[in-house]
């Protein structure tokens, strides 16, 4: 098995976070997959962002962003 790191962007509401994950490539021809621990890590970041707890999200994420609208297209 080979593994590689990947930066996953998790977006919830007005927040987004960059999370480093490990992707495992199977030698048997199966699709790449992530471990259960990585899945739990992504879930914790997502839950933290949903509740607005940026400090908790930062424990697992490399960077956390607060998003804002810069332009709105008028309705025609």
Protein backbone atom coordinates (compact mmCIF):
# COMPACT_ATOMS: atom_id res chain seq x y z
CA UNK A 1 0.00 0.00 0.00
CA UNK A 2 1.15 3.50 -0.84
CA UNK A 3 -0.06 6.60 0.91
CA UNK A 4 0.06 10.28 0.04
CA UNK A 5 -1.01 13.45 1.77
CA UNK A 6 -3.70 15.71 0.41
CA UNK A 7 -5.19 18.99 1.58
CA UNK A 8 -8.96 18.70 1.91
CA UNK A 9 -11.08 21.85 2.05
CA UNK A 10 -14.00 21.52 4.46
CA UNK A 11 -16.69 24.20 4.04
CA UNK A 12 -19.51 24.78 6.52
CA UNK A 13 -21.58 27.96 6.65
CA UNK A 14 -19.34 31.02 6.79
CA UNK A 15 -16.19 28.99 7.59
CA UNK A 16 -13.76 26.85 5.62
CA UNK A 17 -10.78 24.84 6.83
CA UNK A 18 -7.75 23.22 5.19
CA UNK A 19 -7.25 19.75 6.64
CA UNK A 20 -4.25 17.55 5.86
CA UNK A 21 -5.41 13.99 5.18
CA UNK A 22 -3.69 10.77 4.19
CA UNK A 23 -5.00 8.97 1.12
CA UNK A 24 -4.15 5.29 0.78
CA UNK A 25 -3.73 3.78 -2.67
CA UNK A 26 -4.41 0.07 -2.79
CA UNK A 27 -2.21 -2.21 -4.86
CA UNK A 28 -5.22 -4.43 -5.59
CA UNK A 29 -6.84 -1.99 -7.98
CA UNK A 30 -9.33 -0.63 -5.46
CA UNK A 31 -10.08 3.08 -5.42
CA UNK A 32 -8.03 5.28 -3.07
CA UNK A 33 -9.48 5.50 0.45
CA UNK A 34 -8.98 7.20 3.80
CA UNK A 35 -8.66 5.63 7.24
CA UNK A 36 -11.34 5.70 9.93
CA UNK A 37 -9.17 8.10 11.97
CA UNK A 38 -9.00 10.51 9.04
CA UNK A 39 -12.76 10.29 8.60
CA UNK A 40 -13.28 11.10 12.29
CA UNK A 41 -10.86 14.03 11.96
CA UNK A 42 -12.87 15.45 9.04
CA UNK A 43 -16.14 14.97 10.96
CA UNK A 44 -14.75 16.82 14.00
CA UNK A 45 -13.64 19.74 11.86
CA UNK A 46 -17.03 19.85 10.13
CA UNK A 47 -18.93 19.75 13.43
CA UNK A 48 -16.71 22.46 14.92
CA UNK A 49 -17.26 24.74 11.94
CA UNK A 50 -21.03 24.15 12.05
CA UNK A 51 -21.14 25.25 15.70
CA UNK A 52 -18.81 28.21 15.03
CA UNK A 53 -16.06 26.83 17.30
CA UNK A 54 -13.04 27.96 15.30
CA UNK A 55 -10.59 27.10 18.11
CA UNK A 56 -11.71 23.45 18.14
CA UNK A 57 -11.52 23.29 14.33
CA UNK A 58 -8.00 24.70 14.47
CA UNK A 59 -6.84 21.68 16.51
CA UNK A 60 -7.29 19.50 13.41
CA UNK A 61 -7.01 21.97 10.52
CA UNK A 62 -3.93 23.63 9.09
CA UNK A 63 -5.82 26.87 8.41
CA UNK A 64 -9.34 28.11 9.16
CA UNK A 65 -10.98 30.83 7.08
CA UNK A 66 -14.00 33.04 7.69
CA UNK A 67 -15.80 33.66 4.40
CA UNK A 68 -17.63 36.82 3.41
CA UNK A 69 -19.67 37.88 0.39
CA UNK A 70 -17.93 40.47 -1.77
CA UNK A 71 -20.53 40.94 -4.50
CA UNK A 72 -24.11 40.00 -5.17
CA UNK A 73 -25.52 39.81 -8.65
CA UNK A 74 -28.79 41.80 -8.89
CA UNK A 75 -31.96 39.91 -9.72
CA UNK A 76 -33.10 40.45 -13.28
